[in-house]
């Protein structure tokens, strides 16, 4: 439900109930009452004619994340990952139109959530060294290759450990009587 007071729009969620509400306006406050019970109270905002006001605290998490998904926040996130990621994010923002860049960065953050910052930054460093046109898909393949390499090294270390260990009780030639000469 939306109401207009001096051409400033206020929106609140009672439209699905299709009920009448009472609104009390003061110079500082807007209060909304439903069946004589106050259901909302907000500081009164003044703005341009036809302007909409939204309190971010009342938004669902996914809507708030969408509002926070901008180039500056992506640059800040990249700084927390490492210098290579900062360079990669700057490259993406420079080369692409903002809307496309933000979609790419959303994919990148989703991919980064599956790895540690150290792994991501190392892979990004490799990506920037090997590619003149770095992309998230190439970064993904670098990460997968590094993961396989790490797993292979772990299994190789396990093999080395088993070959150097004793195999239990080894009796030898003397036990079987061949060394009596």
N, C-alpha and C. Protein backbone atom coordinates (compact mmCIF):
# COMPACT_ATOMS: atom_id res chain seq x y z
N UNK A 1 0.85 -1.15 0.00
CA UNK A 1 0.00 0.00 0.00
C UNK A 1 0.90 1.23 0.00
N UNK A 2 0.54 2.18 -0.75
CA UNK A 2 1.32 3.42 -0.80
C UNK A 2 0.40 4.58 -0.52
N UNK A 3 0.92 5.56 0.14
CA UNK A 3 0.14 6.76 0.35
C UNK A 3 1.01 7.96 -0.01
N UNK A 4 0.36 9.03 -0.32
CA UNK A 4 1.08 10.22 -0.76
C UNK A 4 0.78 11.34 0.23
N UNK A 5 1.82 11.96 0.73
CA UNK A 5 1.64 13.13 1.56
C UNK A 5 2.56 14.19 1.02
N UNK A 6 1.98 15.27 0.50
CA UNK A 6 2.74 16.34 -0.15
C UNK A 6 3.64 15.76 -1.24
N UNK A 7 3.10 14.84 -2.03
CA UNK A 7 3.77 14.24 -3.19
C UNK A 7 5.04 13.47 -2.84
N UNK A 8 5.13 12.95 -1.63
CA UNK A 8 6.24 12.09 -1.24
C UNK A 8 5.64 10.72 -0.95
N UNK A 9 6.14 9.68 -1.60
CA UNK A 9 5.53 8.36 -1.51
C UNK A 9 6.07 7.58 -0.32
N UNK A 10 5.17 6.96 0.40
CA UNK A 10 5.51 6.08 1.52
C UNK A 10 4.91 4.73 1.19
N UNK A 11 5.70 3.69 1.33
CA UNK A 11 5.23 2.36 0.96
C UNK A 11 5.33 1.44 2.18
N UNK A 12 4.28 0.70 2.43
CA UNK A 12 4.34 -0.29 3.49
C UNK A 12 3.48 -1.48 3.08
N UNK A 13 3.72 -2.62 3.73
CA UNK A 13 3.16 -3.88 3.29
C UNK A 13 1.83 -4.21 3.98
N UNK A 14 0.76 -3.63 3.52
CA UNK A 14 -0.56 -4.06 3.93
C UNK A 14 -1.45 -4.27 2.72
N UNK A 15 -0.89 -4.15 1.55
CA UNK A 15 -1.67 -4.28 0.33
C UNK A 15 -2.30 -5.66 0.21
N UNK A 16 -1.59 -6.69 0.69
CA UNK A 16 -2.15 -8.03 0.54
C UNK A 16 -3.36 -8.26 1.44
N UNK A 17 -3.50 -7.46 2.51
CA UNK A 17 -4.65 -7.59 3.38
C UNK A 17 -5.83 -6.75 2.92
N UNK A 18 -5.56 -5.75 2.08
CA UNK A 18 -6.58 -4.85 1.56
C UNK A 18 -7.43 -4.27 2.70
N UNK A 19 -6.73 -3.78 3.71
CA UNK A 19 -7.39 -3.21 4.87
C UNK A 19 -7.08 -1.71 4.93
N UNK A 20 -7.96 -0.99 5.57
CA UNK A 20 -7.73 0.43 5.79
C UNK A 20 -6.81 0.61 7.00
N UNK A 21 -5.96 1.60 6.92
CA UNK A 21 -5.08 1.93 8.03
C UNK A 21 -5.25 3.40 8.36
N UNK A 22 -4.90 3.74 9.57
CA UNK A 22 -4.91 5.14 9.98
C UNK A 22 -3.46 5.62 10.01
N UNK A 23 -3.25 6.84 9.53
CA UNK A 23 -1.91 7.40 9.50
C UNK A 23 -1.90 8.68 10.32
N UNK A 24 -0.94 8.76 11.21
CA UNK A 24 -0.79 9.95 12.05
C UNK A 24 0.52 10.62 11.65
N UNK A 25 0.44 11.87 11.25
CA UNK A 25 1.61 12.62 10.80
C UNK A 25 1.91 13.75 11.77
N UNK A 26 3.16 13.85 12.15
CA UNK A 26 3.63 15.00 12.90
C UNK A 26 4.78 15.61 12.10
N UNK A 27 5.40 16.63 12.61
CA UNK A 27 6.51 17.25 11.86
C UNK A 27 7.73 16.34 11.81
N UNK A 28 7.86 15.41 12.76
CA UNK A 28 9.03 14.53 12.81
C UNK A 28 8.73 13.07 12.53
N UNK A 29 7.47 12.67 12.60
CA UNK A 29 7.16 11.25 12.67
C UNK A 29 5.96 10.89 11.81
N UNK A 30 5.99 9.67 11.29
CA UNK A 30 4.84 9.09 10.60
C UNK A 30 4.52 7.79 11.32
N UNK A 31 3.28 7.63 11.76
CA UNK A 31 2.86 6.42 12.45
C UNK A 31 1.71 5.81 11.67
N UNK A 32 1.74 4.50 11.53
CA UNK A 32 0.68 3.79 10.82
C UNK A 32 -0.01 2.87 11.83
N UNK A 33 -1.35 2.98 11.89
CA UNK A 33 -2.14 2.19 12.82
C UNK A 33 -3.07 1.27 12.04
N UNK A 34 -3.17 0.03 12.51
CA UNK A 34 -4.09 -0.94 11.93
C UNK A 34 -4.97 -1.44 13.07
N UNK A 35 -6.27 -1.20 12.96
CA UNK A 35 -7.23 -1.55 14.01
C UNK A 35 -6.77 -1.02 15.37
N UNK A 36 -6.40 0.25 15.39
CA UNK A 36 -6.01 0.99 16.58
C UNK A 36 -4.71 0.48 17.23
N UNK A 37 -3.94 -0.31 16.51
CA UNK A 37 -2.65 -0.78 17.01
C UNK A 37 -1.57 -0.24 16.09
N UNK A 38 -0.57 0.41 16.67
CA UNK A 38 0.50 0.97 15.85
C UNK A 38 1.34 -0.17 15.27
N UNK A 39 1.44 -0.22 13.94
CA UNK A 39 2.20 -1.27 13.27
C UNK A 39 3.51 -0.74 12.68
N UNK A 40 3.62 0.58 12.56
CA UNK A 40 4.85 1.16 12.02
C UNK A 40 5.02 2.57 12.53
N UNK A 41 6.27 2.93 12.77
CA UNK A 41 6.58 4.28 13.20
C UNK A 41 7.94 4.63 12.61
N UNK A 42 7.99 5.70 11.85
CA UNK A 42 9.23 6.07 11.16
C UNK A 42 9.47 7.56 11.25
N UNK A 43 10.73 7.91 11.19
CA UNK A 43 11.10 9.31 11.11
C UNK A 43 10.57 9.86 9.79
N UNK A 44 10.03 11.03 9.83
CA UNK A 44 9.47 11.62 8.63
C UNK A 44 10.59 12.14 7.74
N UNK A 45 10.53 11.78 6.47
CA UNK A 45 11.52 12.20 5.50
C UNK A 45 10.92 13.23 4.56
N UNK A 46 11.70 14.19 4.22
CA UNK A 46 11.27 15.21 3.27
C UNK A 46 12.14 15.07 2.03
N UNK A 47 11.56 15.23 0.87
CA UNK A 47 12.35 15.10 -0.34
C UNK A 47 11.69 15.79 -1.51
N UNK A 48 12.14 15.41 -2.68
CA UNK A 48 11.63 15.99 -3.92
C UNK A 48 10.21 15.50 -4.18
N UNK A 49 9.50 16.21 -5.04
CA UNK A 49 8.15 15.83 -5.43
C UNK A 49 8.22 14.52 -6.21
N UNK A 50 7.43 13.54 -5.80
CA UNK A 50 7.39 12.25 -6.47
C UNK A 50 8.49 11.29 -6.04
N UNK A 51 9.27 11.66 -5.06
CA UNK A 51 10.38 10.83 -4.61
C UNK A 51 9.87 9.67 -3.76
N UNK A 52 10.50 8.51 -3.89
CA UNK A 52 10.20 7.36 -3.07
C UNK A 52 11.27 7.24 -1.99
N UNK A 53 10.88 6.81 -0.79
CA UNK A 53 11.84 6.59 0.30
C UNK A 53 11.74 5.15 0.74
N UNK A 54 12.89 4.51 0.88
CA UNK A 54 12.93 3.12 1.31
C UNK A 54 13.91 3.01 2.47
N UNK A 55 13.47 2.40 3.54
CA UNK A 55 14.35 2.15 4.68
C UNK A 55 15.02 0.80 4.43
N UNK A 56 16.34 0.80 4.26
CA UNK A 56 17.07 -0.43 3.93
C UNK A 56 16.95 -1.49 5.01
N UNK A 57 16.76 -1.06 6.26
CA UNK A 57 16.64 -2.03 7.35
C UNK A 57 15.39 -2.88 7.23
N UNK A 58 14.40 -2.41 6.50
CA UNK A 58 13.15 -3.14 6.35
C UNK A 58 13.14 -4.02 5.10
N UNK A 59 14.22 -4.02 4.35
CA UNK A 59 14.27 -4.79 3.12
C UNK A 59 14.73 -6.22 3.39
N UNK A 60 14.29 -7.19 2.59
CA UNK A 60 14.82 -8.54 2.71
C UNK A 60 16.32 -8.55 2.38
N UNK A 61 17.03 -9.55 2.90
CA UNK A 61 18.48 -9.61 2.73
C UNK A 61 18.91 -9.60 1.26
N UNK A 62 18.21 -10.37 0.41
CA UNK A 62 18.62 -10.43 -0.99
C UNK A 62 18.42 -9.09 -1.69
N UNK A 63 17.42 -8.31 -1.29
CA UNK A 63 17.22 -6.98 -1.88
C UNK A 63 18.31 -6.03 -1.42
N UNK A 64 18.68 -6.14 -0.13
CA UNK A 64 19.74 -5.29 0.41
C UNK A 64 21.07 -5.60 -0.27
N UNK A 65 21.34 -6.88 -0.50
CA UNK A 65 22.57 -7.27 -1.19
C UNK A 65 22.61 -6.71 -2.60
N UNK A 66 21.46 -6.68 -3.26
CA UNK A 66 21.40 -6.13 -4.61
C UNK A 66 21.75 -4.64 -4.60
N UNK A 67 21.26 -3.91 -3.61
CA UNK A 67 21.58 -2.48 -3.52
C UNK A 67 23.06 -2.25 -3.24
N UNK A 68 23.65 -3.16 -2.46
CA UNK A 68 25.06 -3.02 -2.10
C UNK A 68 25.99 -3.53 -3.19
N UNK A 69 25.44 -4.10 -4.24
CA UNK A 69 26.26 -4.65 -5.33
C UNK A 69 26.59 -3.53 -6.32
N UNK A 70 27.68 -2.82 -6.03
CA UNK A 70 28.10 -1.71 -6.87
C UNK A 70 29.63 -1.77 -7.05
N UNK A 71 30.20 -1.01 -7.97
CA UNK A 71 31.64 -1.08 -8.22
C UNK A 71 32.50 -0.81 -6.97
N UNK A 72 32.12 0.16 -6.16
CA UNK A 72 32.94 0.50 -4.99
C UNK A 72 33.00 -0.65 -4.01
N UNK A 73 31.85 -1.28 -3.73
CA UNK A 73 31.83 -2.41 -2.80
C UNK A 73 32.61 -3.60 -3.35
N UNK A 74 32.56 -3.79 -4.66
CA UNK A 74 33.33 -4.88 -5.27
C UNK A 74 34.83 -4.62 -5.15
N UNK A 75 35.24 -3.38 -5.30
CA UNK A 75 36.66 -3.04 -5.13
C UNK A 75 37.10 -3.29 -3.69
N UNK A 76 36.24 -2.92 -2.75
CA UNK A 76 36.56 -3.15 -1.33
C UNK A 76 36.68 -4.65 -1.04
N UNK A 77 35.76 -5.43 -1.59
CA UNK A 77 35.83 -6.89 -1.41
C UNK A 77 37.12 -7.43 -1.98
N UNK A 78 37.52 -6.96 -3.16
CA UNK A 78 38.74 -7.44 -3.81
C UNK A 78 39.97 -7.14 -2.95
N UNK A 79 39.98 -6.00 -2.29
CA UNK A 79 41.11 -5.66 -1.40
C UNK A 79 41.23 -6.66 -0.25
N UNK A 80 40.10 -7.18 0.22
CA UNK A 80 40.14 -8.15 1.32
C UNK A 80 40.69 -9.49 0.85
N UNK A 81 40.56 -9.78 -0.44
CA UNK A 81 41.08 -11.05 -0.98
C UNK A 81 42.58 -10.96 -1.22
N UNK A 82 43.02 -9.91 -1.90
CA UNK A 82 44.45 -9.76 -2.15
C UNK A 82 44.73 -8.84 -3.32
N UNK A 83 46.02 -8.52 -3.56
CA UNK A 83 46.39 -7.56 -4.60
C UNK A 83 46.06 -8.03 -6.02
N UNK A 84 46.20 -9.31 -6.28
CA UNK A 84 45.89 -9.82 -7.62
C UNK A 84 44.41 -9.72 -7.92
N UNK A 85 43.58 -10.00 -6.91
CA UNK A 85 42.14 -9.90 -7.10
C UNK A 85 41.74 -8.44 -7.31
N UNK A 86 42.40 -7.53 -6.61
CA UNK A 86 42.11 -6.10 -6.79
C UNK A 86 42.39 -5.69 -8.23
N UNK A 87 43.50 -6.17 -8.76
CA UNK A 87 43.87 -5.86 -10.14
C UNK A 87 42.86 -6.47 -11.12
N UNK A 88 42.44 -7.70 -10.86
CA UNK A 88 41.49 -8.40 -11.73
C UNK A 88 40.12 -7.70 -11.72
N UNK A 89 39.64 -7.31 -10.54
CA UNK A 89 38.35 -6.63 -10.44
C UNK A 89 38.41 -5.28 -11.16
N UNK A 90 39.51 -4.56 -11.00
CA UNK A 90 39.67 -3.28 -11.71
C UNK A 90 39.64 -3.48 -13.21
N UNK A 91 40.29 -4.55 -13.67
CA UNK A 91 40.30 -4.87 -15.10
C UNK A 91 38.88 -5.13 -15.60
N UNK A 92 38.12 -5.93 -14.85
CA UNK A 92 36.74 -6.26 -15.24
C UNK A 92 35.89 -4.99 -15.32
N UNK A 93 36.04 -4.10 -14.34
CA UNK A 93 35.25 -2.87 -14.33
C UNK A 93 35.65 -1.91 -15.44
N UNK A 94 36.92 -1.93 -15.85
CA UNK A 94 37.38 -1.04 -16.92
C UNK A 94 36.94 -1.53 -18.29
N UNK A 95 36.99 -2.83 -18.51
CA UNK A 95 36.77 -3.40 -19.84
C UNK A 95 35.28 -3.52 -20.19
N UNK A 96 34.43 -3.76 -19.20
CA UNK A 96 33.02 -4.04 -19.45
C UNK A 96 32.13 -2.86 -19.06
N UNK A 97 30.94 -2.85 -19.64
CA UNK A 97 29.90 -1.91 -19.24
C UNK A 97 29.51 -2.25 -17.80
N UNK A 98 29.10 -1.26 -17.01
CA UNK A 98 28.89 -1.48 -15.58
C UNK A 98 27.95 -2.63 -15.27
N UNK A 99 26.82 -2.72 -15.97
CA UNK A 99 25.86 -3.78 -15.68
C UNK A 99 26.47 -5.16 -15.94
N UNK A 100 27.16 -5.30 -17.06
CA UNK A 100 27.81 -6.57 -17.38
C UNK A 100 28.92 -6.87 -16.38
N UNK A 101 29.70 -5.84 -16.03
CA UNK A 101 30.79 -6.02 -15.07
C UNK A 101 30.26 -6.49 -13.72
N UNK A 102 29.15 -5.93 -13.28
CA UNK A 102 28.57 -6.34 -12.00
C UNK A 102 28.08 -7.77 -12.04
N UNK A 103 27.53 -8.20 -13.18
CA UNK A 103 27.12 -9.61 -13.32
C UNK A 103 28.34 -10.53 -13.25
N UNK A 104 29.42 -10.14 -13.92
CA UNK A 104 30.65 -10.94 -13.90
C UNK A 104 31.20 -11.00 -12.48
N UNK A 105 31.19 -9.86 -11.78
CA UNK A 105 31.71 -9.81 -10.42
C UNK A 105 30.85 -10.60 -9.45
N UNK A 106 29.57 -10.67 -9.71
CA UNK A 106 28.69 -11.51 -8.90
C UNK A 106 29.09 -12.98 -9.05
N UNK A 107 29.34 -13.40 -10.28
CA UNK A 107 29.81 -14.76 -10.56
C UNK A 107 31.14 -15.01 -9.88
N UNK A 108 32.02 -14.02 -9.94
CA UNK A 108 33.35 -14.14 -9.33
C UNK A 108 33.25 -14.30 -7.82
N UNK A 109 32.39 -13.52 -7.18
CA UNK A 109 32.23 -13.63 -5.73
C UNK A 109 31.63 -14.98 -5.34
N UNK A 110 30.72 -15.48 -6.15
CA UNK A 110 30.14 -16.79 -5.89
C UNK A 110 31.23 -17.87 -5.98
N UNK A 111 32.08 -17.77 -6.99
CA UNK A 111 33.19 -18.72 -7.15
C UNK A 111 34.16 -18.60 -5.98
N UNK A 112 34.46 -17.38 -5.58
CA UNK A 112 35.42 -17.14 -4.50
C UNK A 112 34.93 -17.67 -3.16
N UNK A 113 33.63 -17.77 -2.98
CA UNK A 113 33.10 -18.26 -1.71
C UNK A 113 33.42 -19.74 -1.48
N UNK A 114 33.83 -20.44 -2.53
CA UNK A 114 34.13 -21.87 -2.43
C UNK A 114 35.60 -22.14 -2.13
N UNK A 115 36.42 -21.10 -2.08
CA UNK A 115 37.86 -21.25 -1.87
C UNK A 115 38.32 -20.27 -0.80
N UNK A 116 39.53 -20.49 -0.30
CA UNK A 116 40.10 -19.54 0.65
C UNK A 116 40.62 -18.32 -0.11
N UNK A 117 40.80 -17.22 0.61
CA UNK A 117 41.33 -16.01 -0.02
C UNK A 117 42.73 -16.25 -0.60
N UNK A 118 43.53 -17.04 0.09
CA UNK A 118 44.89 -17.33 -0.37
C UNK A 118 44.85 -18.11 -1.69
N UNK A 119 43.98 -19.11 -1.77
CA UNK A 119 43.86 -19.90 -3.00
C UNK A 119 43.38 -19.04 -4.16
N UNK A 120 42.37 -18.20 -3.89
CA UNK A 120 41.81 -17.33 -4.94
C UNK A 120 42.85 -16.34 -5.43
N UNK A 121 43.57 -15.71 -4.52
CA UNK A 121 44.54 -14.70 -4.93
C UNK A 121 45.70 -15.32 -5.70
N UNK A 122 46.14 -16.50 -5.27
CA UNK A 122 47.22 -17.20 -5.99
C UNK A 122 46.76 -17.57 -7.40
N UNK A 123 45.53 -18.07 -7.52
CA UNK A 123 45.00 -18.43 -8.84
C UNK A 123 44.82 -17.19 -9.71
N UNK A 124 44.40 -16.09 -9.11
CA UNK A 124 44.23 -14.84 -9.86
C UNK A 124 45.58 -14.32 -10.33
N UNK A 125 46.59 -14.46 -9.49
CA UNK A 125 47.95 -14.06 -9.88
C UNK A 125 48.40 -14.88 -11.10
N UNK A 126 48.16 -16.18 -11.05
CA UNK A 126 48.49 -17.05 -12.19
C UNK A 126 47.72 -16.64 -13.43
N UNK A 127 46.44 -16.36 -13.25
CA UNK A 127 45.57 -15.94 -14.36
C UNK A 127 46.11 -14.68 -15.03
N UNK A 128 46.48 -13.71 -14.23
CA UNK A 128 46.97 -12.44 -14.78
C UNK A 128 48.32 -12.61 -15.48
N UNK A 129 49.11 -13.60 -15.05
CA UNK A 129 50.40 -13.87 -15.69
C UNK A 129 50.23 -14.56 -17.03
N UNK A 130 49.26 -15.48 -17.14
CA UNK A 130 49.16 -16.30 -18.35
C UNK A 130 48.19 -15.75 -19.39
N UNK A 131 47.33 -14.82 -19.00
CA UNK A 131 46.28 -14.39 -19.93
C UNK A 131 46.34 -12.89 -20.21
N UNK A 132 46.17 -12.55 -21.48
CA UNK A 132 46.07 -11.14 -21.85
C UNK A 132 44.63 -10.64 -21.72
N UNK A 133 43.68 -11.58 -21.74
CA UNK A 133 42.26 -11.26 -21.59
C UNK A 133 41.68 -12.16 -20.50
N UNK A 134 41.97 -11.87 -19.22
CA UNK A 134 41.52 -12.77 -18.15
C UNK A 134 40.01 -12.78 -17.99
N UNK A 135 39.47 -13.97 -17.76
CA UNK A 135 38.03 -14.13 -17.55
C UNK A 135 37.80 -15.02 -16.33
N UNK A 136 36.57 -15.00 -15.83
CA UNK A 136 36.22 -15.82 -14.68
C UNK A 136 36.28 -17.30 -15.03
N UNK A 137 35.90 -17.66 -16.25
CA UNK A 137 35.93 -19.08 -16.64
C UNK A 137 37.36 -19.62 -16.66
N UNK A 138 38.31 -18.79 -17.10
CA UNK A 138 39.71 -19.22 -17.07
C UNK A 138 40.19 -19.32 -15.62
N UNK A 139 39.78 -18.38 -14.78
CA UNK A 139 40.12 -18.43 -13.36
C UNK A 139 39.59 -19.72 -12.74
N UNK A 140 38.37 -20.09 -13.10
CA UNK A 140 37.77 -21.31 -12.58
C UNK A 140 38.60 -22.53 -12.97
N UNK A 141 39.06 -22.58 -14.22
CA UNK A 141 39.87 -23.72 -14.65
C UNK A 141 41.23 -23.72 -13.95
N UNK A 142 41.80 -22.54 -13.67
CA UNK A 142 43.07 -22.47 -12.93
C UNK A 142 42.86 -23.00 -11.51
N UNK A 143 41.75 -22.61 -10.88
CA UNK A 143 41.46 -23.09 -9.53
C UNK A 143 41.27 -24.61 -9.50
N UNK A 144 40.56 -25.14 -10.48
CA UNK A 144 40.35 -26.59 -10.54
C UNK A 144 41.66 -27.33 -10.78
N UNK A 145 42.50 -26.77 -11.64
CA UNK A 145 43.81 -27.39 -11.91
C UNK A 145 44.67 -27.38 -10.64
N UNK A 146 44.67 -26.26 -9.92
CA UNK A 146 45.44 -26.17 -8.67
C UNK A 146 44.92 -27.16 -7.64
N UNK A 147 43.60 -27.33 -7.59
CA UNK A 147 43.00 -28.28 -6.65
C UNK A 147 43.42 -29.71 -6.97
N UNK A 148 43.39 -30.07 -8.27
CA UNK A 148 43.81 -31.41 -8.68
C UNK A 148 45.30 -31.63 -8.40
N UNK A 149 46.09 -30.59 -8.65
CA UNK A 149 47.53 -30.68 -8.40
C UNK A 149 47.79 -30.91 -6.91
N UNK A 150 47.06 -30.22 -6.06
CA UNK A 150 47.21 -30.37 -4.62
C UNK A 150 46.82 -31.78 -4.17
N UNK A 151 45.72 -32.30 -4.73
CA UNK A 151 45.29 -33.66 -4.38
C UNK A 151 46.32 -34.68 -4.84
N UNK A 152 46.89 -34.47 -6.03
CA UNK A 152 47.88 -35.39 -6.55
C UNK A 152 49.13 -35.38 -5.67
N UNK A 153 49.53 -34.20 -5.21
CA UNK A 153 50.70 -34.11 -4.34
C UNK A 153 50.44 -34.82 -3.02
N UNK A 154 49.23 -34.74 -2.49
CA UNK A 154 48.90 -35.43 -1.25
C UNK A 154 48.99 -36.94 -1.43
N UNK A 155 48.43 -37.47 -2.52
CA UNK A 155 48.48 -38.91 -2.76
C UNK A 155 49.90 -39.36 -3.04
N UNK A 156 50.70 -38.51 -3.70
CA UNK A 156 52.10 -38.84 -3.98
C UNK A 156 52.90 -38.93 -2.69
N UNK A 157 52.64 -38.03 -1.74
CA UNK A 157 53.31 -38.06 -0.44
C UNK A 157 52.93 -39.33 0.32
N UNK A 158 51.66 -39.71 0.24
CA UNK A 158 51.21 -40.95 0.89
C UNK A 158 51.91 -42.16 0.31
N UNK A 159 52.12 -42.18 -1.01
CA UNK A 159 52.82 -43.30 -1.66
C UNK A 159 54.26 -43.36 -1.19
N UNK A 160 54.91 -42.21 -1.07
CA UNK A 160 56.31 -42.18 -0.62
C UNK A 160 56.42 -42.69 0.80
N UNK A 161 55.47 -42.33 1.64
CA UNK A 161 55.49 -42.79 3.03
C UNK A 161 55.34 -44.29 3.12
N UNK A 162 54.53 -44.91 2.29
CA UNK A 162 54.33 -46.36 2.36
C UNK A 162 55.53 -47.11 1.80
N UNK A 163 56.27 -46.57 0.87
CA UNK A 163 57.42 -47.28 0.31
C UNK A 163 58.62 -47.21 1.25
N UNK A 164 58.73 -46.21 2.09
CA UNK A 164 59.87 -46.09 2.99
C UNK A 164 59.63 -46.82 4.31
N UNK A 165 58.41 -47.16 4.62
CA UNK A 165 58.11 -47.83 5.88
C UNK A 165 58.46 -49.30 5.80
N UNK A 166 58.72 -49.91 6.96
CA UNK A 166 58.94 -51.36 7.02
C UNK A 166 57.61 -52.05 6.76
N UNK A 167 57.69 -53.27 6.28
CA UNK A 167 56.48 -54.02 5.98
C UNK A 167 56.20 -55.07 7.05
N UNK A 168 56.46 -54.77 8.28
CA UNK A 168 56.15 -55.72 9.34
C UNK A 168 57.34 -56.62 9.63
N UNK A 169 57.06 -57.88 9.89
CA UNK A 169 58.10 -58.84 10.23
C UNK A 169 58.68 -59.44 8.96
N UNK A 170 59.89 -59.05 8.63
CA UNK A 170 60.57 -59.62 7.48
C UNK A 170 61.64 -60.57 8.02
N UNK A 171 61.52 -61.85 7.69
CA UNK A 171 62.39 -62.85 8.30
C UNK A 171 63.74 -62.94 7.59
N UNK A 172 63.77 -62.82 6.31
CA UNK A 172 65.03 -62.83 5.59
C UNK A 172 65.55 -64.23 5.28
N UNK A 173 66.69 -64.31 4.60
CA UNK A 173 67.27 -65.57 4.11
C UNK A 173 67.77 -66.43 5.25
N UNK A 174 68.27 -65.84 6.31
CA UNK A 174 68.82 -66.61 7.42
C UNK A 174 67.74 -67.47 8.07
N UNK A 175 66.56 -66.96 8.18
CA UNK A 175 65.46 -67.68 8.80
C UNK A 175 65.10 -68.93 8.00
N UNK A 176 65.16 -68.81 6.68
CA UNK A 176 64.76 -69.93 5.84
C UNK A 176 65.92 -70.89 5.55
N UNK A 177 67.07 -70.67 6.13
CA UNK A 177 68.18 -71.61 6.02
C UNK A 177 69.06 -71.42 4.83
N UNK A 178 68.94 -70.40 4.07
CA UNK A 178 69.78 -70.21 2.89
C UNK A 178 71.11 -69.57 3.26
N UNK A 179 71.22 -69.01 4.41
CA UNK A 179 72.42 -68.26 4.76
C UNK A 179 73.32 -69.06 5.71
N UNK A 180 73.34 -70.41 5.58
CA UNK A 180 74.11 -71.24 6.47
C UNK A 180 75.52 -71.50 5.95
N UNK A 181 75.89 -71.06 4.85
CA UNK A 181 77.20 -71.37 4.28
C UNK A 181 78.28 -70.62 4.87
